[in-house]
Every structure is written in structure tokens, then in C-alpha cells.
Amino acid sequence: MAAVAMLSGCASTSKISDEDRLAIYRANAGEPVRSFRYFGTLDSWTPLGDEAMAVWTRPSEAYLLEFGSSCPDLDFATAVSVTNQGGLVYARFDKVQVLGQGSIRIPCIIQEIRPLDTRGVKADEAQKREAQAMPAE
């Protein structure tokens, strides 16, 4: 029987565009893995446009989830649910569902799972914010 994880809220907000943020996460993602261990709750999550998201299973352990197609309303979600099989979330089998008032409830199939270098993501995001904050010459 598939269990469902729910997490309200969103990991972080900033002035970095979805495209730039997705590029940062992809640059800091390892090789694809078949699954990741789910410990009962997600620590946090970040939408990366409508084609991907990052989920944190622990403060320093995160995964990039890429979808096979667009995941409607992900950027506007107040919560998401993630299916899992006996404590494991599998690529090409498990799904993310966007929750929230007015959300289109279409399950988004996880096409690919890649472990993230969380320190690299944070450093690259900080560098991008600093670059954007600098006045134009």
C-alpha cells in the first residue's frame, strides 16, 4: 500500500528566476538514482518551475525530482504530497501531487531522481543573489 507524505509551505523564496534556479540545481545534482529513502516526512521542498522540484529528506540531504511532463500549479502550491513504497520513493513509479485551493489535482510522475550537493546549491544560490544585487555599472 502506498503511503503519502505531505508537507505544507515552501523551502525558500528569492529573486532567482525559476530557470536560473533549475540550472543551479541541475549543476549540483549527481547521477540519477532509482529511489531515495523516505523517513516519514519531508524536511522541505522547492518548486523549480513546472518541470522539477527539490525535496529535502533531512536538512543536508536533498534530491532533484524531474517530471516527465509539466506539473500544473507547482509554483503556486501551498503543499505537496509524495507517494512512496515501503519508505522508498521510486523514479518512474511514484508521484507528486500539488495540493492547495484551486490546484489542478493531476499526479506528476517522477521521471528522474538525482541526489543534490546541498552545500553547492546554497553556495551557488548565494553567489547568484550577490551578482543580482550588485548595481549595474
Protein backbone atom coordinates (compact mmCIF):
# COMPACT_ATOMS: atom_id res chain seq x y z
CA MET A 1 0.00 0.00 0.00
CA ALA A 2 1.35 3.39 -0.93
CA ALA A 3 1.83 5.85 1.89
CA VAL A 4 1.62 9.56 1.21
CA ALA A 5 3.87 12.30 2.58
CA MET A 6 2.50 15.81 2.89
CA LEU A 7 4.42 18.98 3.55
CA SER A 8 2.98 22.46 3.69
CA GLY A 9 4.84 25.55 2.71
CA CYS A 10 7.80 26.03 0.50
CA ALA A 11 11.50 25.83 1.24
CA SER A 12 12.69 29.25 0.22
CA THR A 13 11.88 32.26 -1.85
CA SER A 14 14.30 34.63 -3.56
CA LYS A 15 14.75 36.80 -6.59
CA ILE A 16 16.35 34.00 -8.59
CA SER A 17 14.24 33.06 -11.61
CA ASP A 18 12.87 29.52 -11.94
CA GLU A 19 15.12 28.94 -14.96
CA ASP A 20 18.27 30.08 -13.12
CA ARG A 21 17.35 28.14 -10.01
CA LEU A 22 16.71 24.94 -12.01
CA ALA A 23 20.09 25.39 -13.72
CA ILE A 24 21.78 25.70 -10.30
CA TYR A 25 20.09 22.55 -9.01
CA ARG A 26 20.90 20.58 -12.16
CA ALA A 27 24.55 21.69 -11.96
CA ASN A 28 24.71 20.41 -8.37
CA ALA A 29 22.89 17.12 -8.99
CA GLY A 30 24.63 13.76 -9.13
CA GLU A 31 23.93 10.83 -11.41
CA PRO A 32 20.33 9.52 -11.49
CA VAL A 33 19.34 7.01 -8.81
CA ARG A 34 16.46 4.55 -8.80
CA SER A 35 15.00 5.66 -5.45
CA PHE A 36 15.58 7.51 -2.21
CA ARG A 37 14.69 6.64 1.37
CA TYR A 38 11.70 8.47 2.77
CA PHE A 39 11.78 8.91 6.55
CA GLY A 40 8.10 9.67 7.16
CA THR A 41 8.16 13.39 6.41
CA LEU A 42 9.93 15.75 4.07
CA ASP A 43 12.07 18.41 5.71
CA SER A 44 11.19 20.94 2.97
CA TRP A 45 10.66 21.35 -0.77
CA THR A 46 11.30 23.88 -3.50
CA PRO A 47 9.46 24.15 -6.83
CA LEU A 48 11.76 24.64 -9.81
CA GLY A 49 9.30 25.78 -12.45
CA ASP A 50 6.68 23.27 -13.57
CA GLU A 51 9.07 20.51 -14.65
CA ALA A 52 11.09 19.81 -11.50
CA MET A 53 11.31 20.23 -7.75
CA ALA A 54 13.80 19.63 -4.96
CA VAL A 55 12.85 17.75 -1.81
CA TRP A 56 14.83 17.63 1.42
CA THR A 57 14.55 14.40 3.39
CA ARG A 58 16.93 15.80 6.04
CA PRO A 59 18.46 19.27 6.44
CA SER A 60 21.57 18.26 4.46
CA GLU A 61 20.07 15.53 2.23
CA ALA A 62 18.08 16.52 -0.84
CA TYR A 63 17.04 15.20 -4.24
CA LEU A 64 16.17 16.79 -7.56
CA LEU A 65 12.93 15.31 -8.89
CA GLU A 66 12.36 15.79 -12.62
CA PHE A 67 8.90 15.15 -14.06
CA GLY A 68 8.08 13.54 -17.39
CA SER A 69 5.81 16.45 -18.26
CA SER A 70 4.58 19.72 -16.83
CA CYS A 71 3.34 19.61 -13.22
CA PRO A 72 0.49 22.17 -13.12
CA ASP A 73 0.40 24.76 -10.32
CA LEU A 74 3.62 23.57 -8.66
CA ASP A 75 4.91 27.14 -8.31
CA PHE A 76 1.71 28.14 -6.50
CA ALA A 77 1.26 25.07 -4.29
CA THR A 78 0.70 25.51 -0.57
CA ALA A 79 1.53 21.83 -0.03
CA VAL A 80 2.50 18.71 -1.95
CA SER A 81 2.10 15.01 -1.38
CA VAL A 82 4.64 12.40 -2.45
CA THR A 83 3.79 8.72 -2.78
CA ASN A 84 6.23 6.08 -1.60
CA GLN A 85 6.52 2.32 -1.43
CA GLY A 86 7.55 0.97 1.95
CA GLY A 87 9.65 4.03 2.76
CA LEU A 88 11.22 4.40 -0.70
CA VAL A 89 10.31 6.89 -3.43
CA TYR A 90 10.95 5.42 -6.90
CA ALA A 91 11.61 7.15 -10.22
CA ARG A 92 9.11 6.27 -12.98
CA PHE A 93 6.63 4.96 -10.41
CA ASP A 94 5.95 7.40 -7.57
CA LYS A 95 4.19 10.71 -7.95
CA VAL A 96 3.99 14.24 -6.60
CA GLN A 97 0.57 15.80 -6.26
CA VAL A 98 0.08 19.53 -5.87
CA LEU A 99 -2.28 20.45 -3.06
CA GLY A 100 -3.96 23.75 -2.35
CA GLN A 101 -7.10 25.67 -3.09
CA GLY A 102 -7.84 25.72 -6.80
CA SER A 103 -4.98 23.39 -7.70
CA ILE A 104 -5.43 21.02 -10.59
CA ARG A 105 -5.07 17.61 -8.94
CA ILE A 106 -3.10 15.80 -11.61
CA PRO A 107 -0.40 13.48 -10.23
CA CYS A 108 3.05 14.33 -11.57
CA ILE A 109 5.09 11.20 -12.26
CA ILE A 110 8.68 11.41 -11.03
CA GLN A 111 10.74 10.62 -14.13
CA GLU A 112 14.20 11.02 -12.62
CA ILE A 113 15.73 11.30 -9.14
CA ARG A 114 19.19 12.82 -8.64
CA PRO A 115 20.92 13.41 -5.28
CA LEU A 116 21.86 17.03 -4.65
CA ASP A 117 25.03 18.58 -3.29
CA THR A 118 23.14 20.82 -0.84
CA ARG A 119 26.21 22.88 0.05
CA GLY A 120 26.86 23.51 -3.63
CA VAL A 121 23.24 24.56 -4.19
CA LYS A 122 23.34 27.02 -1.26
CA ALA A 123 26.70 28.46 -2.34
CA ASP A 124 25.60 28.89 -5.97
CA GLU A 125 22.28 30.49 -4.93
CA ALA A 126 24.11 32.92 -2.62
CA GLN A 127 26.54 33.79 -5.41
CA LYS A 128 23.64 34.37 -7.84
CA ARG A 129 21.83 36.63 -5.34
CA GLU A 130 25.01 38.65 -4.76
CA ALA A 131 25.52 39.04 -8.50
CA GLN A 132 21.93 40.23 -8.93
CA ALA A 133 22.23 42.66 -6.01
CA MET A 134 25.29 44.41 -7.47
CA PRO A 135 24.46 47.70 -9.16
CA ALA A 136 24.91 47.84 -12.91
CA GLU A 137 27.91 49.91 -14.00
